[in-house]
PDB file of all heavy atoms in Angstrom:
ATOM      1  N   SER A   1       0.860  -1.164  -0.076  1.00  0.00           N
ATOM      2  CA  SER A   1       0.020  -0.060  -0.016  1.00  0.00           C
ATOM      3  C   SER A   1       0.973   1.277   0.029  1.00  0.00           C
ATOM      4  O   SER A   1       2.088   1.149   0.160  1.00  0.00           O
ATOM      5  CB  SER A   1      -0.954   0.029   1.232  1.00  0.00           C
ATOM      6  OG  SER A   1      -0.210   0.049   2.405  1.00  0.00           O
ATOM      7  N   GLY A   2       0.287   2.389  -0.259  1.00  0.00           N
ATOM      8  CA  GLY A   2       0.977   3.598  -0.335  1.00  0.00           C
ATOM      9  C   GLY A   2       1.426   3.974  -1.701  1.00  0.00           C
ATOM     10  O   GLY A   2       0.693   3.669  -2.688  1.00  0.00           O
ATOM     11  N   SER A   3       2.586   4.464  -1.945  1.00  0.00           N
ATOM     12  CA  SER A   3       3.094   4.890  -3.197  1.00  0.00           C
ATOM     13  C   SER A   3       3.609   3.574  -3.939  1.00  0.00           C
ATOM     14  O   SER A   3       4.795   3.319  -3.877  1.00  0.00           O
ATOM     15  CB  SER A   3       4.115   5.954  -3.110  1.00  0.00           C
ATOM     16  OG  SER A   3       4.592   6.322  -4.287  1.00  0.00           O
ATOM     17  N   ILE A   4       2.841   3.025  -4.650  1.00  0.00           N
ATOM     18  CA  ILE A   4       3.141   1.651  -5.176  1.00  0.00           C
ATOM     19  C   ILE A   4       3.540   1.803  -6.730  1.00  0.00           C
ATOM     20  O   ILE A   4       3.822   0.725  -7.364  1.00  0.00           O
ATOM     21  CB  ILE A   4       2.087   0.625  -5.136  1.00  0.00           C
ATOM     22  CG1 ILE A   4       0.774   1.071  -5.846  1.00  0.00           C
ATOM     23  CG2 ILE A   4       1.758   0.298  -3.628  1.00  0.00           C
ATOM     24  CD1 ILE A   4      -0.295   0.046  -5.884  1.00  0.00           C
ATOM     25  N   PHE A   5       3.666   3.018  -7.189  1.00  0.00           N
ATOM     26  CA  PHE A   5       4.177   3.175  -8.595  1.00  0.00           C
ATOM     27  C   PHE A   5       5.513   2.549  -8.772  1.00  0.00           C
ATOM     28  O   PHE A   5       6.410   2.885  -8.059  1.00  0.00           O
ATOM     29  CB  PHE A   5       4.130   4.662  -8.987  1.00  0.00           C
ATOM     30  CG  PHE A   5       4.531   4.833 -10.397  1.00  0.00           C
ATOM     31  CD1 PHE A   5       3.702   4.594 -11.480  1.00  0.00           C
ATOM     32  CD2 PHE A   5       5.887   5.307 -10.684  1.00  0.00           C
ATOM     33  CE1 PHE A   5       4.099   4.775 -12.781  1.00  0.00           C
ATOM     34  CE2 PHE A   5       6.234   5.377 -12.007  1.00  0.00           C
ATOM     35  CZ  PHE A   5       5.386   5.270 -13.020  1.00  0.00           C
ATOM     36  N   GLY A   6       5.643   1.685  -9.738  1.00  0.00           N
ATOM     37  CA  GLY A   6       6.910   1.043  -9.962  1.00  0.00           C
ATOM     38  C   GLY A   6       7.333   0.014  -9.069  1.00  0.00           C
ATOM     39  O   GLY A   6       8.432  -0.515  -9.031  1.00  0.00           O
ATOM     40  N   LEU A   7       6.406  -0.329  -8.156  1.00  0.00           N
ATOM     41  CA  LEU A   7       6.605  -1.400  -7.169  1.00  0.00           C
ATOM     42  C   LEU A   7       6.435  -2.804  -7.709  1.00  0.00           C
ATOM     43  O   LEU A   7       5.554  -3.097  -8.398  1.00  0.00           O
ATOM     44  CB  LEU A   7       5.752  -1.140  -5.985  1.00  0.00           C
ATOM     45  CG  LEU A   7       5.928  -2.176  -4.812  1.00  0.00           C
ATOM     46  CD1 LEU A   7       7.311  -1.785  -4.137  1.00  0.00           C
ATOM     47  CD2 LEU A   7       4.817  -2.083  -3.738  1.00  0.00           C
ATOM     48  N   ASP A   8       7.388  -3.685  -7.445  1.00  0.00           N
ATOM     49  CA  ASP A   8       7.243  -5.053  -7.873  1.00  0.00           C
ATOM     50  C   ASP A   8       7.395  -5.947  -6.729  1.00  0.00           C
ATOM     51  O   ASP A   8       8.544  -6.174  -6.137  1.00  0.00           O
ATOM     52  CB  ASP A   8       8.373  -5.338  -8.759  1.00  0.00           C
ATOM     53  CG  ASP A   8       8.398  -6.854  -9.409  1.00  0.00           C
ATOM     54  OD1 ASP A   8       7.324  -7.516  -9.220  1.00  0.00           O
ATOM     55  OD2 ASP A   8       9.368  -7.242  -9.887  1.00  0.00           O
ATOM     56  N   VAL A   9       6.440  -6.451  -6.144  1.00  0.00           N
ATOM     57  CA  VAL A   9       6.357  -7.466  -4.976  1.00  0.00           C
ATOM     58  C   VAL A   9       6.813  -8.761  -5.524  1.00  0.00           C
ATOM     59  O   VAL A   9       6.154  -9.281  -6.474  1.00  0.00           O
ATOM     60  CB  VAL A   9       5.077  -7.477  -4.235  1.00  0.00           C
ATOM     61  CG1 VAL A   9       5.221  -8.354  -3.073  1.00  0.00           C
ATOM     62  CG2 VAL A   9       4.778  -6.083  -3.811  1.00  0.00           C
ATOM     63  N   ARG A  10       7.826  -9.290  -5.047  1.00  0.00           N
ATOM     64  CA  ARG A  10       8.468 -10.467  -5.602  1.00  0.00           C
ATOM     65  C   ARG A  10       8.312 -11.707  -4.908  1.00  0.00           C
ATOM     66  O   ARG A  10       8.304 -12.875  -5.483  1.00  0.00           O
ATOM     67  CB  ARG A  10       9.989 -10.177  -5.940  1.00  0.00           C
ATOM     68  CG  ARG A  10      10.124  -9.069  -6.835  1.00  0.00           C
ATOM     69  CD  ARG A  10      11.568  -8.985  -7.384  1.00  0.00           C
ATOM     70  NE  ARG A  10      11.795  -8.050  -8.404  1.00  0.00           N
ATOM     71  CZ  ARG A  10      12.933  -7.793  -8.878  1.00  0.00           C
ATOM     72  NH1 ARG A  10      14.030  -8.266  -8.372  1.00  0.00           N
ATOM     73  NH2 ARG A  10      13.089  -6.841  -9.886  1.00  0.00           N
ATOM     74  N   GLY A  11       8.435 -11.738  -3.582  1.00  0.00           N
ATOM     75  CA  GLY A  11       8.435 -13.130  -2.987  1.00  0.00           C
ATOM     76  C   GLY A  11       8.711 -13.001  -1.419  1.00  0.00           C
ATOM     77  O   GLY A  11       8.483 -11.964  -0.734  1.00  0.00           O
ATOM     78  N   TRP A  12       9.302 -14.078  -0.955  1.00  0.00           N
ATOM     79  CA  TRP A  12       9.449 -14.279   0.518  1.00  0.00           C
ATOM     80  C   TRP A  12      10.840 -14.745   0.897  1.00  0.00           C
ATOM     81  O   TRP A  12      11.490 -15.528   0.080  1.00  0.00           O
ATOM     82  CB  TRP A  12       8.398 -15.428   0.817  1.00  0.00           C
ATOM     83  CG  TRP A  12       7.004 -14.992   0.642  1.00  0.00           C
ATOM     84  CD1 TRP A  12       6.332 -15.227  -0.588  1.00  0.00           C
ATOM     85  CD2 TRP A  12       6.152 -14.345   1.533  1.00  0.00           C
ATOM     86  NE1 TRP A  12       5.079 -14.667  -0.346  1.00  0.00           N
ATOM     87  CE2 TRP A  12       4.887 -14.207   0.905  1.00  0.00           C
ATOM     88  CE3 TRP A  12       6.260 -13.886   2.789  1.00  0.00           C
ATOM     89  CZ2 TRP A  12       3.781 -13.561   1.470  1.00  0.00           C
ATOM     90  CZ3 TRP A  12       5.219 -13.350   3.490  1.00  0.00           C
ATOM     91  CH2 TRP A  12       3.890 -13.059   2.773  1.00  0.00           C
ATOM     92  N   TYR A  13      11.165 -14.256   2.015  1.00  0.00           N
ATOM     93  CA  TYR A  13      12.442 -14.649   2.657  1.00  0.00           C
ATOM     94  C   TYR A  13      11.966 -15.070   4.157  1.00  0.00           C
ATOM     95  O   TYR A  13      10.811 -14.743   4.617  1.00  0.00           O
ATOM     96  CB  TYR A  13      13.440 -13.610   2.750  1.00  0.00           C
ATOM     97  CG  TYR A  13      14.123 -13.235   1.482  1.00  0.00           C
ATOM     98  CD1 TYR A  13      13.383 -12.783   0.381  1.00  0.00           C
ATOM     99  CD2 TYR A  13      15.388 -13.585   1.305  1.00  0.00           C
ATOM    100  CE1 TYR A  13      13.973 -12.469  -0.878  1.00  0.00           C
ATOM    101  CE2 TYR A  13      16.125 -13.367   0.070  1.00  0.00           C
ATOM    102  CZ  TYR A  13      15.343 -12.793  -1.023  1.00  0.00           C
ATOM    103  OH  TYR A  13      15.972 -12.629  -2.224  1.00  0.00           O
ATOM    104  N   ARG A  14      12.806 -15.716   4.894  1.00  0.00           N
ATOM    105  CA  ARG A  14      12.584 -15.993   6.301  1.00  0.00           C
ATOM    106  C   ARG A  14      13.767 -15.894   7.112  1.00  0.00           C
ATOM    107  O   ARG A  14      14.909 -16.010   6.599  1.00  0.00           O
ATOM    108  CB  ARG A  14      11.924 -17.404   6.395  1.00  0.00           C
ATOM    109  CG  ARG A  14      12.737 -18.531   6.023  1.00  0.00           C
ATOM    110  CD  ARG A  14      12.123 -19.874   6.128  1.00  0.00           C
ATOM    111  NE  ARG A  14      12.933 -20.997   5.762  1.00  0.00           N
ATOM    112  CZ  ARG A  14      12.511 -22.272   5.625  1.00  0.00           C
ATOM    113  NH1 ARG A  14      11.222 -22.532   5.728  1.00  0.00           N
ATOM    114  NH2 ARG A  14      13.348 -23.179   5.421  1.00  0.00           N
ATOM    115  N   GLN A  15      13.575 -15.577   8.426  1.00  0.00           N
ATOM    116  CA  GLN A  15      14.731 -15.625   9.378  1.00  0.00           C
ATOM    117  C   GLN A  15      14.325 -16.319  10.623  1.00  0.00           C
ATOM    118  O   GLN A  15      13.433 -15.996  11.267  1.00  0.00           O
ATOM    119  CB  GLN A  15      15.071 -14.130   9.667  1.00  0.00           C
ATOM    120  CG  GLN A  15      16.400 -14.051  10.484  1.00  0.00           C
ATOM    121  CD  GLN A  15      16.817 -12.662  10.553  1.00  0.00           C
ATOM    122  OE1 GLN A  15      16.091 -11.631  10.182  1.00  0.00           O
ATOM    123  NE2 GLN A  15      18.093 -12.387  10.844  1.00  0.00           N
ATOM    124  N   ALA A  16      15.059 -17.412  10.879  1.00  0.00           N
ATOM    125  CA  ALA A  16      14.873 -18.247  12.077  1.00  0.00           C
ATOM    126  C   ALA A  16      15.751 -17.609  13.204  1.00  0.00           C
ATOM    127  O   ALA A  16      16.679 -16.968  13.010  1.00  0.00           O
ATOM    128  CB  ALA A  16      15.326 -19.714  11.857  1.00  0.00           C
ATOM    129  N   PRO A  17      15.327 -17.934  14.359  1.00  0.00           N
ATOM    130  CA  PRO A  17      16.057 -17.417  15.523  1.00  0.00           C
ATOM    131  C   PRO A  17      17.593 -17.791  15.440  1.00  0.00           C
ATOM    132  O   PRO A  17      17.920 -18.868  15.260  1.00  0.00           O
ATOM    133  CB  PRO A  17      15.447 -17.997  16.700  1.00  0.00           C
ATOM    134  CG  PRO A  17      14.031 -18.338  16.374  1.00  0.00           C
ATOM    135  CD  PRO A  17      14.196 -18.702  14.784  1.00  0.00           C
ATOM    136  N   GLY A  18      18.428 -16.751  15.637  1.00  0.00           N
ATOM    137  CA  GLY A  18      19.908 -16.925  15.577  1.00  0.00           C
ATOM    138  C   GLY A  18      20.426 -17.196  14.219  1.00  0.00           C
ATOM    139  O   GLY A  18      21.633 -17.457  14.165  1.00  0.00           O
ATOM    140  N   LYS A  19      19.628 -17.085  13.172  1.00  0.00           N
ATOM    141  CA  LYS A  19      20.153 -17.436  11.848  1.00  0.00           C
ATOM    142  C   LYS A  19      19.953 -16.169  11.005  1.00  0.00           C
ATOM    143  O   LYS A  19      19.274 -15.194  11.257  1.00  0.00           O
ATOM    144  CB  LYS A  19      19.447 -18.643  11.224  1.00  0.00           C
ATOM    145  CG  LYS A  19      19.658 -19.818  12.042  1.00  0.00           C
ATOM    146  CD  LYS A  19      19.164 -21.019  11.233  1.00  0.00           C
ATOM    147  CE  LYS A  19      19.517 -22.354  11.853  1.00  0.00           C
ATOM    148  NZ  LYS A  19      18.911 -23.500  11.122  1.00  0.00           N
ATOM    149  N   GLN A  20      20.685 -16.243   9.793  1.00  0.00           N
ATOM    150  CA  GLN A  20      20.626 -15.113   8.808  1.00  0.00           C
ATOM    151  C   GLN A  20      19.316 -15.330   7.966  1.00  0.00           C
ATOM    152  O   GLN A  20      18.772 -16.307   7.933  1.00  0.00           O
ATOM    153  CB  GLN A  20      21.752 -15.076   7.929  1.00  0.00           C
ATOM    154  CG  GLN A  20      23.088 -14.623   8.588  1.00  0.00           C
ATOM    155  CD  GLN A  20      24.200 -14.425   7.607  1.00  0.00           C
ATOM    156  OE1 GLN A  20      24.177 -15.057   6.541  1.00  0.00           O
ATOM    157  NE2 GLN A  20      25.073 -13.554   7.950  1.00  0.00           N
ATOM    158  N   ARG A  21      18.825 -14.037   7.491  1.00  0.00           N
ATOM    159  CA  ARG A  21      17.638 -14.100   6.667  1.00  0.00           C
ATOM    160  C   ARG A  21      18.049 -14.927   5.434  1.00  0.00           C
ATOM    161  O   ARG A  21      19.014 -14.855   4.744  1.00  0.00           O
ATOM    162  CB  ARG A  21      17.229 -12.812   6.225  1.00  0.00           C
ATOM    163  CG  ARG A  21      15.853 -12.627   5.594  1.00  0.00           C
ATOM    164  CD  ARG A  21      15.452 -11.286   5.436  1.00  0.00           C
ATOM    165  NE  ARG A  21      15.291 -10.559   6.711  1.00  0.00           N
ATOM    166  CZ  ARG A  21      14.823  -9.350   6.805  1.00  0.00           C
ATOM    167  NH1 ARG A  21      14.412  -8.608   5.742  1.00  0.00           N
ATOM    168  NH2 ARG A  21      14.689  -8.842   8.076  1.00  0.00           N
ATOM    169  N   GLU A  22      17.024 -15.874   4.899  1.00  0.00           N
ATOM    170  CA  GLU A  22      17.346 -16.702   3.803  1.00  0.00           C
ATOM    171  C   GLU A  22      16.168 -16.660   2.820  1.00  0.00           C
ATOM    172  O   GLU A  22      15.020 -16.403   3.184  1.00  0.00           O
ATOM    173  CB  GLU A  22      17.490 -18.178   4.249  1.00  0.00           C
ATOM    174  CG  GLU A  22      16.276 -18.705   4.875  1.00  0.00           C
ATOM    175  CD  GLU A  22      16.551 -20.269   5.087  1.00  0.00           C
ATOM    176  OE1 GLU A  22      17.673 -20.750   5.044  1.00  0.00           O
ATOM    177  OE2 GLU A  22      15.614 -20.960   5.595  1.00  0.00           O
ATOM    178  N   PHE A  23      16.490 -16.923   1.624  1.00  0.00           N
ATOM    179  CA  PHE A  23      15.572 -16.911   0.504  1.00  0.00           C
ATOM    180  C   PHE A  23      14.606 -18.040   0.668  1.00  0.00           C
ATOM    181  O   PHE A  23      15.000 -19.220   0.937  1.00  0.00           O
ATOM    182  CB  PHE A  23      16.270 -16.959  -0.828  1.00  0.00           C
ATOM    183  CG  PHE A  23      15.470 -17.259  -2.026  1.00  0.00           C
ATOM    184  CD1 PHE A  23      14.666 -16.267  -2.593  1.00  0.00           C
ATOM    185  CD2 PHE A  23      15.498 -18.524  -2.558  1.00  0.00           C
ATOM    186  CE1 PHE A  23      13.881 -16.582  -3.688  1.00  0.00           C
ATOM    187  CE2 PHE A  23      14.674 -18.814  -3.649  1.00  0.00           C
ATOM    188  CZ  PHE A  23      13.791 -17.883  -4.218  1.00  0.00           C
ATOM    189  N   VAL A  24      13.235 -17.909   0.314  1.00  0.00           N
ATOM    190  CA  VAL A  24      12.307 -18.912   0.388  1.00  0.00           C
ATOM    191  C   VAL A  24      11.769 -19.049  -1.074  1.00  0.00           C
ATOM    192  O   VAL A  24      11.767 -20.248  -1.585  1.00  0.00           O
ATOM    193  CB  VAL A  24      11.080 -18.641   1.313  1.00  0.00           C
ATOM    194  CG1 VAL A  24      10.090 -19.607   1.209  1.00  0.00           C
ATOM    195  CG2 VAL A  24      11.692 -18.509   2.680  1.00  0.00           C
ATOM    196  N   ALA A  25      11.157 -18.098  -1.678  1.00  0.00           N
ATOM    197  CA  ALA A  25      10.558 -18.230  -2.946  1.00  0.00           C
ATOM    198  C   ALA A  25      10.338 -16.817  -3.620  1.00  0.00           C
ATOM    199  O   ALA A  25      10.242 -15.871  -2.938  1.00  0.00           O
ATOM    200  CB  ALA A  25       9.123 -18.953  -2.820  1.00  0.00           C
ATOM    201  N   VAL A  26      10.360 -16.886  -4.846  1.00  0.00           N
ATOM    202  CA  VAL A  26      10.132 -15.612  -5.696  1.00  0.00           C
ATOM    203  C   VAL A  26       9.338 -15.975  -6.915  1.00  0.00           C
ATOM    204  O   VAL A  26       9.298 -17.089  -7.454  1.00  0.00           O
ATOM    205  CB  VAL A  26      11.487 -15.085  -6.127  1.00  0.00           C
ATOM    206  CG1 VAL A  26      12.256 -15.910  -7.056  1.00  0.00           C
ATOM    207  CG2 VAL A  26      11.312 -13.638  -6.593  1.00  0.00           C
ATOM    208  N   ILE A  27       8.532 -14.980  -7.327  1.00  0.00           N
ATOM    209  CA  ILE A  27       7.725 -15.035  -8.506  1.00  0.00           C
ATOM    210  C   ILE A  27       7.971 -13.776  -9.321  1.00  0.00           C
ATOM    211  O   ILE A  27       7.993 -12.632  -8.800  1.00  0.00           O
ATOM    212  CB  ILE A  27       6.222 -15.245  -8.195  1.00  0.00           C
ATOM    213  CG1 ILE A  27       5.342 -15.406  -9.442  1.00  0.00           C
ATOM    214  CG2 ILE A  27       5.645 -14.032  -7.335  1.00  0.00           C
ATOM    215  CD1 ILE A  27       3.941 -15.866  -9.233  1.00  0.00           C
ATOM    216  N   ASP A  28       8.110 -13.971 -10.692  1.00  0.00           N
ATOM    217  CA  ASP A  28       8.405 -12.782 -11.537  1.00  0.00           C
ATOM    218  C   ASP A  28       7.114 -12.402 -12.176  1.00  0.00           C
ATOM    219  O   ASP A  28       6.028 -12.861 -11.917  1.00  0.00           O
ATOM    220  CB  ASP A  28       9.534 -13.132 -12.446  1.00  0.00           C
ATOM    221  CG  ASP A  28       9.193 -13.922 -13.561  1.00  0.00           C
ATOM    222  OD1 ASP A  28       7.994 -14.294 -13.765  1.00  0.00           O
ATOM    223  OD2 ASP A  28      10.253 -14.337 -14.264  1.00  0.00           O
ATOM    224  N   SER A  29       7.256 -11.372 -13.004  1.00  0.00           N
ATOM    225  CA  SER A  29       6.119 -10.705 -13.642  1.00  0.00           C
ATOM    226  C   SER A  29       5.328 -11.663 -14.620  1.00  0.00           C
ATOM    227  O   SER A  29       4.215 -11.481 -14.819  1.00  0.00           O
ATOM    228  CB  SER A  29       6.430  -9.378 -14.328  1.00  0.00           C
ATOM    229  OG  SER A  29       7.520  -9.575 -15.236  1.00  0.00           O
ATOM    230  N   SER A  30       6.128 -12.638 -15.117  1.00  0.00           N
ATOM    231  CA  SER A  30       5.601 -13.577 -15.973  1.00  0.00           C
ATOM    232  C   SER A  30       4.912 -14.769 -15.298  1.00  0.00           C
ATOM    233  O   SER A  30       4.340 -15.682 -15.924  1.00  0.00           O
ATOM    234  CB  SER A  30       6.714 -14.087 -17.030  1.00  0.00           C
ATOM    235  OG  SER A  30       7.584 -14.993 -16.342  1.00  0.00           O
ATOM    236  N   GLY A  31       5.157 -14.856 -13.979  1.00  0.00           N
ATOM    237  CA  GLY A  31       4.588 -15.935 -13.234  1.00  0.00           C
ATOM    238  C   GLY A  31       5.564 -17.020 -12.984  1.00  0.00           C
ATOM    239  O   GLY A  31       5.322 -18.050 -12.369  1.00  0.00           O
ATOM    240  N   ALA A  32       6.844 -16.880 -13.472  1.00  0.00           N
ATOM    241  CA  ALA A  32       7.783 -17.924 -13.225  1.00  0.00           C
ATOM    242  C   ALA A  32       8.246 -17.867 -11.835  1.00  0.00           C
ATOM    243  O   ALA A  32       8.314 -16.836 -11.205  1.00  0.00           O
ATOM    244  CB  ALA A  32       9.061 -17.663 -14.182  1.00  0.00           C
ATOM    245  N   THR A  33       8.565 -19.020 -11.180  1.00  0.00           N
ATOM    246  CA  THR A  33       8.818 -19.153  -9.871  1.00  0.00           C
ATOM    247  C   THR A  33      10.135 -19.866  -9.509  1.00  0.00           C
ATOM    248  O   THR A  33      10.583 -20.658 -10.376  1.00  0.00           O
ATOM    249  CB  THR A  33       7.671 -19.846  -9.069  1.00  0.00           C
ATOM    250  OG1 THR A  33       7.548 -21.190  -9.692  1.00  0.00           O
ATOM    251  CG2 THR A  33       6.407 -19.202  -9.082  1.00  0.00           C
ATOM    252  N   ILE A  34      10.740 -19.512  -8.525  1.00  0.00           N
ATOM    253  CA  ILE A  34      11.943 -20.212  -8.008  1.00  0.00           C
ATOM    254  C   ILE A  34      11.811 -20.367  -6.497  1.00  0.00           C
ATOM    255  O   ILE A  34      11.310 -19.550  -5.841  1.00  0.00           O
ATOM    256  CB  ILE A  34      13.218 -19.328  -8.263  1.00  0.00           C
ATOM    257  CG1 ILE A  34      13.367 -19.018  -9.720  1.00  0.00           C
ATOM    258  CG2 ILE A  34      14.520 -20.075  -7.680  1.00  0.00           C
ATOM    259  CD1 ILE A  34      14.499 -18.041 -10.095  1.00  0.00           C
ATOM    260  N   TYR A  35      12.225 -21.669  -6.120  1.00  0.00           N
ATOM    261  CA  TYR A  35      12.117 -21.861  -4.634  1.00  0.00           C
ATOM    262  C   TYR A  35      13.475 -22.374  -4.141  1.00  0.00           C
ATOM    263  O   TYR A  35      14.333 -22.941  -4.767  1.00  0.00           O
ATOM    264  CB  TYR A  35      11.123 -23.101  -4.566  1.00  0.00           C
ATOM    265  CG  TYR A  35       9.623 -22.809  -4.955  1.00  0.00           C
ATOM    266  CD1 TYR A  35       9.288 -23.040  -6.230  1.00  0.00           C
ATOM    267  CD2 TYR A  35       8.809 -22.182  -4.045  1.00  0.00           C
ATOM    268  CE1 TYR A  35       8.036 -22.726  -6.604  1.00  0.00           C
ATOM    269  CE2 TYR A  35       7.513 -21.862  -4.417  1.00  0.00           C
ATOM    270  CZ  TYR A  35       7.063 -22.188  -5.695  1.00  0.00           C
ATOM    271  OH  TYR A  35       5.823 -21.843  -6.161  1.00  0.00           O
ATOM    272  N   ALA A  36      13.545 -22.143  -2.797  1.00  0.00           N
ATOM    273  CA  ALA A  36      14.729 -22.801  -2.120  1.00  0.00           C
ATOM    274  C   ALA A  36      14.531 -24.254  -2.092  1.00  0.00           C
ATOM    275  O   ALA A  36      13.417 -24.810  -2.023  1.00  0.00           O
ATOM    276  CB  ALA A  36      14.812 -22.236  -0.722  1.00  0.00           C
ATOM    277  N   ASP A  37      15.664 -24.996  -2.158  1.00  0.00           N
ATOM    278  CA  ASP A  37      15.561 -26.342  -2.192  1.00  0.00           C
ATOM    279  C   ASP A  37      14.824 -26.948  -0.935  1.00  0.00           C
ATOM    280  O   ASP A  37      14.096 -27.949  -0.912  1.00  0.00           O
ATOM    281  CB  ASP A  37      16.909 -27.023  -2.177  1.00  0.00           C
ATOM    282  CG  ASP A  37      17.568 -26.890  -3.459  1.00  0.00           C
ATOM    283  OD1 ASP A  37      16.942 -26.643  -4.485  1.00  0.00           O
ATOM    284  OD2 ASP A  37      18.903 -27.109  -3.567  1.00  0.00           O
ATOM    285  N   SER A  38      14.970 -26.204   0.168  1.00  0.00           N
ATOM    286  CA  SER A  38      14.341 -26.714   1.479  1.00  0.00           C
ATOM    287  C   SER A  38      12.831 -26.605   1.416  1.00  0.00           C
ATOM    288  O   SER A  38      12.270 -27.332   2.252  1.00  0.00           O
ATOM    289  CB  SER A  38      14.947 -25.933   2.580  1.00  0.00           C
ATOM    290  OG  SER A  38      14.608 -24.529   2.501  1.00  0.00           O
ATOM    291  N   VAL A  39      12.231 -25.915   0.602  1.00  0.00           N
ATOM    292  CA  VAL A  39      10.757 -25.799   0.549  1.00  0.00           C
ATOM    293  C   VAL A  39      10.072 -26.310  -0.726  1.00  0.00           C
ATOM    294  O   VAL A  39       8.931 -26.345  -0.883  1.00  0.00           O
ATOM    295  CB  VAL A  39      10.285 -24.302   0.713  1.00  0.00           C
ATOM    296  CG1 VAL A  39      10.997 -23.769   2.022  1.00  0.00           C
ATOM    297  CG2 VAL A  39      10.659 -23.440  -0.479  1.00  0.00           C
ATOM    298  N   LYS A  40      10.983 -26.636  -1.729  1.00  0.00           N
ATOM    299  CA  LYS A  40      10.494 -27.136  -2.978  1.00  0.00           C
ATOM    300  C   LYS A  40       9.487 -28.315  -2.868  1.00  0.00           C
ATOM    301  O   LYS A  40       9.862 -29.309  -2.177  1.00  0.00           O
ATOM    302  CB  LYS A  40      11.631 -27.471  -3.908  1.00  0.00           C
ATOM    303  CG  LYS A  40      11.425 -27.379  -5.348  1.00  0.00           C
ATOM    304  CD  LYS A  40      12.732 -27.568  -6.187  1.00  0.00           C
ATOM    305  CE  LYS A  40      13.676 -26.412  -5.989  1.00  0.00           C
ATOM    306  NZ  LYS A  40      14.845 -26.414  -6.779  1.00  0.00           N
TER     307      LYS A  40
END
């Protein structure tokens, strides 16, 4: 919400306690997706 001009919401990351933020999944404008191996 807000000033969304030119905004591209792409996907998800996660951060477990005591760990670094890691990639989970992404979707591009064409609908193509990529997943982390741990959630595929």
